[in-house]
Amino acid sequence: MMGCRLVVLVSSVLALAPLPSFARDRTDLPTSMAEASREQVAETLPAPARNALLSARNRKQYVATTVEFAKTAAGKDGILTDADAKGLAPEDPRAVQIRYYLHVPYLKPYFTPGKLGSRSVPRIPVREMGQVAGAIWDKFDANRDGVLSTEENAPLRVARGGSSNGRPPLW
């Protein structure tokens, strides 16, 4: 009897708790990377991915960093799923980053179909994460030279909270 009440209490608290922005699919975003603007991608990128993008010297380094993150996050099965984020705290940057890759509509073309009972679940194999990272990098690299210039990474700096002109904000 007491266990039943506890389950009801916990489930009602979880129903009322605000979910992170990537805990469910975002319907206000475009469904393909081509339709998404740089600003939309910059705003939706979680902080660790945005910082990796800003600190990478070139495309190759960013792709390698993203693939390495996916390898450590995916575990032994080599597939990034929501189950990989469940063992982490909801505010953990790794969990937020996993949910980003799995629930942003413009990354759905990179998902591989997977079934859990009768439901379809988003999954991205680690071997596909290089393509995901490359598509994100290419969204900002307008001249396709493999390096982000000051103008090209301006939306990322603005989304991070800095100014777009590379100077610190005046208070």
N, C-alpha and C. Protein backbone atom coordinates (compact mmCIF):
# COMPACT_ATOMS: atom_id res chain seq x y z
N MET A 1 0.83 -1.19 0.00
CA MET A 1 0.00 0.00 0.00
C MET A 1 0.87 1.25 0.00
N MET A 2 1.89 1.27 0.89
CA MET A 2 2.78 2.43 0.98
C MET A 2 3.60 2.58 -0.30
N GLY A 3 4.03 1.44 -0.88
CA GLY A 3 4.81 1.48 -2.11
C GLY A 3 4.00 2.05 -3.26
N CYS A 4 2.72 1.73 -3.30
CA CYS A 4 1.83 2.24 -4.35
C CYS A 4 1.71 3.76 -4.24
N ARG A 5 1.55 4.26 -3.02
CA ARG A 5 1.45 5.70 -2.81
C ARG A 5 2.73 6.41 -3.23
N LEU A 6 3.86 5.77 -2.92
CA LEU A 6 5.14 6.35 -3.30
C LEU A 6 5.28 6.44 -4.80
N VAL A 7 4.87 5.41 -5.50
CA VAL A 7 4.94 5.40 -6.97
C VAL A 7 4.05 6.50 -7.55
N VAL A 8 2.85 6.64 -7.01
CA VAL A 8 1.93 7.68 -7.48
C VAL A 8 2.51 9.06 -7.21
N LEU A 9 3.10 9.25 -6.04
CA LEU A 9 3.70 10.54 -5.69
C LEU A 9 4.86 10.87 -6.61
N VAL A 10 5.75 9.92 -6.83
CA VAL A 10 6.91 10.15 -7.69
C VAL A 10 6.47 10.43 -9.13
N SER A 11 5.50 9.68 -9.63
CA SER A 11 5.06 9.90 -11.01
C SER A 11 4.38 11.25 -11.17
N SER A 12 3.64 11.70 -10.15
CA SER A 12 3.00 13.01 -10.26
C SER A 12 4.02 14.14 -10.19
N VAL A 13 5.06 13.97 -9.38
CA VAL A 13 6.12 14.99 -9.31
C VAL A 13 6.87 15.05 -10.64
N LEU A 14 7.16 13.90 -11.23
CA LEU A 14 7.85 13.88 -12.52
C LEU A 14 7.00 14.49 -13.61
N ALA A 15 5.69 14.33 -13.54
CA ALA A 15 4.80 14.90 -14.55
C ALA A 15 4.79 16.43 -14.45
N LEU A 16 4.96 16.96 -13.26
CA LEU A 16 4.94 18.41 -13.06
C LEU A 16 6.30 19.06 -13.27
N ALA A 17 7.37 18.28 -13.21
CA ALA A 17 8.72 18.84 -13.34
C ALA A 17 8.95 19.31 -14.76
N PRO A 18 9.56 20.47 -14.94
CA PRO A 18 9.83 20.94 -16.30
C PRO A 18 10.89 20.06 -16.95
N LEU A 19 10.66 19.71 -18.19
CA LEU A 19 11.61 18.89 -18.93
C LEU A 19 12.63 19.78 -19.61
N PRO A 20 13.86 19.30 -19.78
CA PRO A 20 14.84 20.05 -20.55
C PRO A 20 14.32 20.29 -21.97
N SER A 21 14.82 21.31 -22.62
CA SER A 21 14.28 21.71 -23.92
C SER A 21 14.42 20.63 -24.97
N PHE A 22 15.34 19.68 -24.81
CA PHE A 22 15.50 18.65 -25.82
C PHE A 22 14.92 17.32 -25.37
N ALA A 23 14.13 17.33 -24.28
CA ALA A 23 13.54 16.09 -23.80
C ALA A 23 12.42 15.62 -24.71
N ARG A 24 11.90 16.49 -25.53
CA ARG A 24 10.89 16.10 -26.50
C ARG A 24 11.21 16.80 -27.81
N ASP A 25 10.64 16.33 -28.86
CA ASP A 25 10.93 16.90 -30.17
C ASP A 25 10.52 18.35 -30.24
N ARG A 26 11.35 19.14 -30.87
CA ARG A 26 11.06 20.56 -31.04
C ARG A 26 10.31 20.74 -32.35
N THR A 27 9.08 21.19 -32.30
CA THR A 27 8.28 21.34 -33.51
C THR A 27 8.46 22.71 -34.15
N ASP A 28 9.09 23.64 -33.44
CA ASP A 28 9.27 24.98 -33.97
C ASP A 28 10.51 25.11 -34.86
N LEU A 29 11.26 24.03 -35.03
CA LEU A 29 12.48 24.05 -35.82
C LEU A 29 12.26 23.39 -37.18
N PRO A 30 13.05 23.77 -38.17
CA PRO A 30 12.94 23.14 -39.49
C PRO A 30 13.27 21.65 -39.42
N THR A 31 12.84 20.91 -40.44
CA THR A 31 13.04 19.46 -40.43
C THR A 31 14.28 19.03 -41.19
N SER A 32 15.01 19.97 -41.78
CA SER A 32 16.26 19.59 -42.44
C SER A 32 17.31 20.65 -42.15
N MET A 33 18.56 20.23 -42.25
CA MET A 33 19.67 21.15 -42.00
C MET A 33 19.69 22.27 -43.05
N ALA A 34 19.29 21.96 -44.26
CA ALA A 34 19.27 22.98 -45.33
C ALA A 34 18.28 24.09 -45.02
N GLU A 35 17.16 23.75 -44.39
CA GLU A 35 16.14 24.75 -44.07
C GLU A 35 16.48 25.55 -42.81
N ALA A 36 17.30 25.01 -41.95
CA ALA A 36 17.64 25.67 -40.69
C ALA A 36 18.62 26.81 -40.94
N SER A 37 18.41 27.91 -40.25
CA SER A 37 19.34 29.04 -40.37
C SER A 37 20.52 28.82 -39.43
N ARG A 38 21.57 29.55 -39.66
CA ARG A 38 22.73 29.48 -38.77
C ARG A 38 22.34 29.86 -37.35
N GLU A 39 21.50 30.87 -37.23
CA GLU A 39 21.09 31.34 -35.92
C GLU A 39 20.29 30.27 -35.18
N GLN A 40 19.40 29.57 -35.90
CA GLN A 40 18.62 28.51 -35.26
C GLN A 40 19.52 27.38 -34.77
N VAL A 41 20.47 27.00 -35.59
CA VAL A 41 21.39 25.94 -35.19
C VAL A 41 22.24 26.40 -34.00
N ALA A 42 22.73 27.62 -34.05
CA ALA A 42 23.55 28.15 -32.95
C ALA A 42 22.76 28.21 -31.65
N GLU A 43 21.50 28.62 -31.73
CA GLU A 43 20.68 28.74 -30.52
C GLU A 43 20.35 27.38 -29.92
N THR A 44 20.16 26.36 -30.75
CA THR A 44 19.77 25.06 -30.22
C THR A 44 20.96 24.21 -29.79
N LEU A 45 22.15 24.53 -30.26
CA LEU A 45 23.33 23.75 -29.86
C LEU A 45 23.52 23.83 -28.35
N PRO A 46 23.71 22.70 -27.69
CA PRO A 46 24.02 22.76 -26.26
C PRO A 46 25.41 23.36 -26.04
N ALA A 47 25.64 23.91 -24.88
CA ALA A 47 26.89 24.61 -24.59
C ALA A 47 28.14 23.79 -24.89
N PRO A 48 28.23 22.52 -24.52
CA PRO A 48 29.46 21.77 -24.81
C PRO A 48 29.74 21.66 -26.33
N ALA A 49 28.69 21.44 -27.11
CA ALA A 49 28.87 21.33 -28.57
C ALA A 49 29.23 22.69 -29.16
N ARG A 50 28.60 23.74 -28.67
CA ARG A 50 28.91 25.09 -29.16
C ARG A 50 30.35 25.47 -28.83
N ASN A 51 30.78 25.17 -27.61
CA ASN A 51 32.16 25.48 -27.21
C ASN A 51 33.17 24.66 -28.01
N ALA A 52 32.84 23.39 -28.29
CA ALA A 52 33.73 22.57 -29.11
C ALA A 52 33.84 23.14 -30.51
N LEU A 53 32.74 23.63 -31.03
CA LEU A 53 32.73 24.23 -32.37
C LEU A 53 33.56 25.51 -32.40
N LEU A 54 33.43 26.33 -31.37
CA LEU A 54 34.18 27.58 -31.31
C LEU A 54 35.67 27.36 -31.07
N SER A 55 36.02 26.32 -30.33
CA SER A 55 37.43 26.12 -29.99
C SER A 55 38.17 25.24 -31.00
N ALA A 56 37.45 24.61 -31.91
CA ALA A 56 38.11 23.75 -32.90
C ALA A 56 38.90 24.60 -33.89
N ARG A 57 40.09 24.12 -34.23
CA ARG A 57 40.91 24.83 -35.21
C ARG A 57 40.38 24.65 -36.62
N ASN A 58 39.79 23.47 -36.87
CA ASN A 58 39.29 23.20 -38.21
C ASN A 58 38.19 22.13 -38.14
N ARG A 59 37.62 21.83 -39.30
CA ARG A 59 36.52 20.87 -39.39
C ARG A 59 36.93 19.49 -38.88
N LYS A 60 38.12 19.06 -39.25
CA LYS A 60 38.59 17.73 -38.87
C LYS A 60 38.65 17.58 -37.35
N GLN A 61 39.13 18.60 -36.66
CA GLN A 61 39.22 18.55 -35.20
C GLN A 61 37.84 18.51 -34.56
N TYR A 62 36.89 19.29 -35.08
CA TYR A 62 35.54 19.29 -34.53
C TYR A 62 34.86 17.94 -34.73
N VAL A 63 35.00 17.37 -35.91
CA VAL A 63 34.40 16.06 -36.19
C VAL A 63 35.01 15.01 -35.27
N ALA A 64 36.32 15.03 -35.09
CA ALA A 64 36.98 14.06 -34.21
C ALA A 64 36.50 14.21 -32.77
N THR A 65 36.33 15.43 -32.30
CA THR A 65 35.85 15.68 -30.93
C THR A 65 34.43 15.15 -30.76
N THR A 66 33.58 15.39 -31.73
CA THR A 66 32.19 14.93 -31.66
C THR A 66 32.10 13.41 -31.69
N VAL A 67 32.88 12.78 -32.56
CA VAL A 67 32.87 11.32 -32.65
C VAL A 67 33.40 10.72 -31.34
N GLU A 68 34.41 11.32 -30.76
CA GLU A 68 34.94 10.83 -29.49
C GLU A 68 33.90 10.95 -28.38
N PHE A 69 33.17 12.06 -28.36
CA PHE A 69 32.08 12.20 -27.38
C PHE A 69 31.06 11.09 -27.58
N ALA A 70 30.67 10.83 -28.82
CA ALA A 70 29.66 9.81 -29.11
C ALA A 70 30.14 8.42 -28.70
N LYS A 71 31.43 8.14 -28.93
CA LYS A 71 31.97 6.83 -28.54
C LYS A 71 31.87 6.62 -27.04
N THR A 72 32.22 7.63 -26.27
CA THR A 72 32.18 7.48 -24.81
C THR A 72 30.74 7.49 -24.30
N ALA A 73 29.86 8.23 -24.95
CA ALA A 73 28.48 8.32 -24.49
C ALA A 73 27.66 7.10 -24.88
N ALA A 74 27.95 6.50 -26.02
CA ALA A 74 27.13 5.40 -26.54
C ALA A 74 27.36 4.08 -25.83
N GLY A 75 28.49 3.91 -25.24
CA GLY A 75 28.75 2.65 -24.55
C GLY A 75 29.16 1.55 -25.51
N LYS A 76 28.97 0.30 -25.08
CA LYS A 76 29.46 -0.85 -25.83
C LYS A 76 28.71 -1.10 -27.13
N ASP A 77 27.43 -0.72 -27.18
CA ASP A 77 26.64 -1.03 -28.37
C ASP A 77 26.97 -0.14 -29.57
N GLY A 78 27.64 0.99 -29.35
CA GLY A 78 28.04 1.86 -30.45
C GLY A 78 26.90 2.64 -31.07
N ILE A 79 25.77 2.74 -30.36
CA ILE A 79 24.61 3.47 -30.87
C ILE A 79 24.16 4.46 -29.81
N LEU A 80 24.02 5.71 -30.19
CA LEU A 80 23.58 6.76 -29.28
C LEU A 80 22.06 6.72 -29.18
N THR A 81 21.53 6.50 -27.98
CA THR A 81 20.08 6.45 -27.75
C THR A 81 19.74 7.22 -26.48
N ASP A 82 18.44 7.40 -26.24
CA ASP A 82 18.01 8.06 -25.00
C ASP A 82 18.44 7.28 -23.77
N ALA A 83 18.58 5.98 -23.90
CA ALA A 83 19.01 5.16 -22.76
C ALA A 83 20.40 5.57 -22.28
N ASP A 84 21.23 6.08 -23.18
CA ASP A 84 22.57 6.53 -22.80
C ASP A 84 22.51 7.77 -21.92
N ALA A 85 21.46 8.56 -22.05
CA ALA A 85 21.31 9.77 -21.23
C ALA A 85 20.60 9.50 -19.92
N LYS A 86 19.88 8.39 -19.84
CA LYS A 86 19.08 8.11 -18.64
C LYS A 86 19.91 7.89 -17.39
N GLY A 87 21.12 7.39 -17.53
CA GLY A 87 21.96 7.15 -16.37
C GLY A 87 22.61 8.42 -15.83
N LEU A 88 22.42 9.53 -16.53
CA LEU A 88 23.03 10.80 -16.13
C LEU A 88 21.98 11.72 -15.53
N ALA A 89 22.42 12.68 -14.75
CA ALA A 89 21.51 13.68 -14.21
C ALA A 89 20.92 14.49 -15.36
N PRO A 90 19.66 14.94 -15.26
CA PRO A 90 19.04 15.68 -16.37
C PRO A 90 19.81 16.94 -16.78
N GLU A 91 20.49 17.58 -15.82
CA GLU A 91 21.23 18.81 -16.12
C GLU A 91 22.65 18.54 -16.57
N ASP A 92 23.08 17.29 -16.52
CA ASP A 92 24.43 16.93 -16.93
C ASP A 92 24.65 17.34 -18.39
N PRO A 93 25.73 18.07 -18.68
CA PRO A 93 25.96 18.53 -20.06
C PRO A 93 26.00 17.39 -21.07
N ARG A 94 26.47 16.22 -20.66
CA ARG A 94 26.50 15.08 -21.58
C ARG A 94 25.09 14.61 -21.92
N ALA A 95 24.20 14.60 -20.93
CA ALA A 95 22.82 14.19 -21.17
C ALA A 95 22.11 15.19 -22.09
N VAL A 96 22.35 16.47 -21.86
CA VAL A 96 21.76 17.51 -22.70
C VAL A 96 22.25 17.37 -24.13
N GLN A 97 23.53 17.09 -24.30
CA GLN A 97 24.10 16.94 -25.62
C GLN A 97 23.53 15.70 -26.34
N ILE A 98 23.37 14.60 -25.62
CA ILE A 98 22.79 13.40 -26.21
C ILE A 98 21.36 13.68 -26.66
N ARG A 99 20.58 14.34 -25.81
CA ARG A 99 19.19 14.66 -26.17
C ARG A 99 19.13 15.60 -27.37
N TYR A 100 20.08 16.51 -27.47
CA TYR A 100 20.13 17.40 -28.63
C TYR A 100 20.27 16.60 -29.91
N TYR A 101 21.25 15.72 -29.96
CA TYR A 101 21.49 14.95 -31.17
C TYR A 101 20.29 14.07 -31.54
N LEU A 102 19.52 13.64 -30.54
CA LEU A 102 18.43 12.70 -30.80
C LEU A 102 17.06 13.34 -30.98
N HIS A 103 16.91 14.61 -30.62
CA HIS A 103 15.56 15.18 -30.64
C HIS A 103 15.41 16.48 -31.42
N VAL A 104 16.44 16.95 -32.08
CA VAL A 104 16.31 18.16 -32.88
C VAL A 104 15.85 17.74 -34.28
N PRO A 105 14.75 18.30 -34.76
CA PRO A 105 14.18 17.85 -36.03
C PRO A 105 15.13 17.90 -37.23
N TYR A 106 16.01 18.89 -37.29
CA TYR A 106 16.86 18.98 -38.46
C TYR A 106 17.97 17.94 -38.50
N LEU A 107 18.13 17.15 -37.44
CA LEU A 107 19.09 16.05 -37.45
C LEU A 107 18.43 14.69 -37.70
N LYS A 108 17.11 14.66 -37.88
CA LYS A 108 16.41 13.39 -38.10
C LYS A 108 16.89 12.62 -39.32
N PRO A 109 17.36 13.25 -40.38
CA PRO A 109 17.87 12.45 -41.51
C PRO A 109 19.05 11.54 -41.13
N TYR A 110 19.70 11.81 -40.01
CA TYR A 110 20.85 11.00 -39.59
C TYR A 110 20.46 9.85 -38.66
N PHE A 111 19.19 9.78 -38.27
CA PHE A 111 18.73 8.71 -37.39
C PHE A 111 18.65 7.41 -38.16
N THR A 112 18.84 6.31 -37.45
CA THR A 112 18.54 5.00 -38.02
C THR A 112 17.31 4.49 -37.29
N PRO A 113 16.38 3.91 -38.02
CA PRO A 113 15.14 3.47 -37.37
C PRO A 113 15.42 2.37 -36.36
N GLY A 114 14.75 2.46 -35.26
CA GLY A 114 14.85 1.44 -34.23
C GLY A 114 13.50 1.31 -33.55
N LYS A 115 13.16 0.12 -33.19
CA LYS A 115 11.86 -0.12 -32.55
C LYS A 115 12.08 -0.54 -31.11
N LEU A 116 11.25 -0.02 -30.24
CA LEU A 116 11.18 -0.44 -28.86
C LEU A 116 9.73 -0.83 -28.63
N GLY A 117 9.45 -2.11 -28.74
CA GLY A 117 8.06 -2.55 -28.71
C GLY A 117 7.38 -2.07 -29.98
N SER A 118 6.32 -1.29 -29.82
CA SER A 118 5.62 -0.77 -30.99
C SER A 118 6.01 0.67 -31.32
N ARG A 119 6.88 1.26 -30.50
CA ARG A 119 7.30 2.64 -30.73
C ARG A 119 8.60 2.71 -31.49
N SER A 120 8.74 3.76 -32.26
CA SER A 120 9.99 4.03 -32.95
C SER A 120 10.82 4.95 -32.06
N VAL A 121 12.09 4.64 -31.89
CA VAL A 121 12.96 5.44 -31.03
C VAL A 121 14.11 6.01 -31.85
N PRO A 122 14.52 7.25 -31.56
CA PRO A 122 15.65 7.82 -32.30
C PRO A 122 16.96 7.17 -31.88
N ARG A 123 17.80 6.87 -32.86
CA ARG A 123 19.10 6.25 -32.61
C ARG A 123 20.07 6.78 -33.66
N ILE A 124 21.29 7.04 -33.24
CA ILE A 124 22.34 7.42 -34.18
C ILE A 124 23.56 6.56 -33.90
N PRO A 125 23.98 5.75 -34.87
CA PRO A 125 25.21 4.97 -34.67
C PRO A 125 26.41 5.91 -34.58
N VAL A 126 27.40 5.51 -33.79
CA VAL A 126 28.59 6.34 -33.61
C VAL A 126 29.26 6.60 -34.97
N ARG A 127 29.22 5.62 -35.86
CA ARG A 127 29.86 5.79 -37.17
C ARG A 127 29.20 6.90 -37.99
N GLU A 128 27.95 7.27 -37.66
CA GLU A 128 27.24 8.35 -38.35
C GLU A 128 27.51 9.73 -37.73
N MET A 129 28.07 9.75 -36.53
CA MET A 129 28.26 11.03 -35.84
C MET A 129 29.25 11.94 -36.57
N GLY A 130 30.15 11.37 -37.34
CA GLY A 130 31.05 12.20 -38.15
C GLY A 130 30.27 12.99 -39.18
N GLN A 131 29.24 12.38 -39.76
CA GLN A 131 28.40 13.08 -40.73
C GLN A 131 27.57 14.16 -40.05
N VAL A 132 27.07 13.86 -38.85
CA VAL A 132 26.29 14.85 -38.09
C VAL A 132 27.16 16.05 -37.77
N ALA A 133 28.36 15.80 -37.24
CA ALA A 133 29.27 16.89 -36.90
C ALA A 133 29.68 17.67 -38.14
N GLY A 134 29.93 16.98 -39.23
CA GLY A 134 30.30 17.65 -40.48
C GLY A 134 29.19 18.55 -40.99
N ALA A 135 27.94 18.09 -40.87
CA ALA A 135 26.80 18.91 -41.32
C ALA A 135 26.65 20.16 -40.45
N ILE A 136 26.87 20.01 -39.14
CA ILE A 136 26.79 21.17 -38.25
C ILE A 136 27.91 22.15 -38.58
N TRP A 137 29.14 21.65 -38.78
CA TRP A 137 30.26 22.52 -39.13
C TRP A 137 29.99 23.24 -40.45
N ASP A 138 29.52 22.49 -41.45
CA ASP A 138 29.28 23.07 -42.78
C ASP A 138 28.20 24.14 -42.75
N LYS A 139 27.29 24.06 -41.79
CA LYS A 139 26.25 25.08 -41.68
C LYS A 139 26.87 26.45 -41.40
N PHE A 140 27.98 26.48 -40.70
CA PHE A 140 28.62 27.74 -40.34
C PHE A 140 29.76 28.11 -41.28
N ASP A 141 30.39 27.15 -41.90
CA ASP A 141 31.54 27.38 -42.79
C ASP A 141 31.04 27.73 -44.19
N ALA A 142 30.72 29.00 -44.39
CA ALA A 142 30.09 29.45 -45.64
C ALA A 142 31.00 29.26 -46.85
N ASN A 143 32.29 29.51 -46.70
CA ASN A 143 33.20 29.41 -47.85
C ASN A 143 33.84 28.04 -47.99
N ARG A 144 33.47 27.09 -47.16
CA ARG A 144 33.91 25.69 -47.21
C ARG A 144 35.43 25.52 -47.24
N ASP A 145 36.12 26.36 -46.45
CA ASP A 145 37.57 26.23 -46.38
C ASP A 145 38.04 25.39 -45.21
N GLY A 146 37.10 24.91 -44.38
CA GLY A 146 37.45 24.04 -43.26
C GLY A 146 37.82 24.78 -41.99
N VAL A 147 37.78 26.10 -42.03
CA VAL A 147 38.12 26.93 -40.87
C VAL A 147 37.01 27.96 -40.71
N LEU A 148 36.58 28.20 -39.47
CA LEU A 148 35.54 29.20 -39.23
C LEU A 148 36.18 30.57 -39.00
N SER A 149 35.80 31.51 -39.85
CA SER A 149 36.30 32.87 -39.70
C SER A 149 35.49 33.58 -38.61
N THR A 150 35.88 34.80 -38.30
CA THR A 150 35.19 35.59 -37.28
C THR A 150 33.74 35.83 -37.68
N GLU A 151 33.51 36.10 -38.96
CA GLU A 151 32.15 36.35 -39.43
C GLU A 151 31.32 35.06 -39.39
N GLU A 152 31.95 33.94 -39.71
CA GLU A 152 31.22 32.68 -39.77
C GLU A 152 30.82 32.18 -38.39
N ASN A 153 31.64 32.44 -37.37
CA ASN A 153 31.28 31.94 -36.04
C ASN A 153 30.57 32.99 -35.19
N ALA A 154 30.21 34.13 -35.78
CA ALA A 154 29.49 35.17 -35.04
C ALA A 154 28.17 34.67 -34.44
N PRO A 155 27.34 33.90 -35.18
CA PRO A 155 26.10 33.41 -34.55
C PRO A 155 26.37 32.52 -33.32
N LEU A 156 27.46 31.79 -33.34
CA LEU A 156 27.81 30.93 -32.20
C LEU A 156 28.20 31.77 -30.99
N ARG A 157 28.96 32.83 -31.22
CA ARG A 157 29.36 33.70 -30.11
C ARG A 157 28.16 34.43 -29.53
N VAL A 158 27.24 34.86 -30.39
CA VAL A 158 26.03 35.54 -29.92
C VAL A 158 25.18 34.57 -29.09
N ALA A 159 25.03 33.34 -29.58
CA ALA A 159 24.25 32.34 -28.85
C ALA A 159 24.89 32.00 -27.51
N ARG A 160 26.22 32.08 -27.43
CA ARG A 160 26.92 31.80 -26.18
C ARG A 160 26.76 32.94 -25.20
N GLY A 161 26.41 34.10 -25.70
CA GLY A 161 26.22 35.24 -24.82
C GLY A 161 27.22 36.34 -25.04
N GLY A 162 28.08 36.20 -26.03
CA GLY A 162 29.06 37.23 -26.35
C GLY A 162 28.54 38.14 -27.44
N SER A 163 29.36 39.09 -27.83
CA SER A 163 28.96 39.97 -28.91
C SER A 163 29.40 39.39 -30.24
N SER A 164 28.79 39.85 -31.31
CA SER A 164 29.09 39.29 -32.63
C SER A 164 30.33 39.92 -33.25
N ASN A 165 30.82 41.02 -32.70
CA ASN A 165 31.97 41.68 -33.32
C ASN A 165 33.30 41.25 -32.73
N GLY A 166 33.30 40.29 -31.83
CA GLY A 166 34.55 39.78 -31.27
C GLY A 166 35.08 40.58 -30.10
N ARG A 167 34.46 41.70 -29.79
CA ARG A 167 34.89 42.51 -28.65
C ARG A 167 34.04 42.18 -27.44
N PRO A 168 34.58 42.34 -26.24
CA PRO A 168 33.76 42.09 -25.06
C PRO A 168 32.64 43.13 -24.97
N PRO A 169 31.49 42.74 -24.43
CA PRO A 169 30.38 43.71 -24.34
C PRO A 169 30.72 44.83 -23.38
N LEU A 170 30.22 46.03 -23.70
CA LEU A 170 30.43 47.19 -22.83
C LEU A 170 29.28 47.25 -21.83
N TRP A 171 29.61 47.44 -20.59
CA TRP A 171 28.59 47.49 -19.54
C TRP A 171 28.31 48.87 -19.14
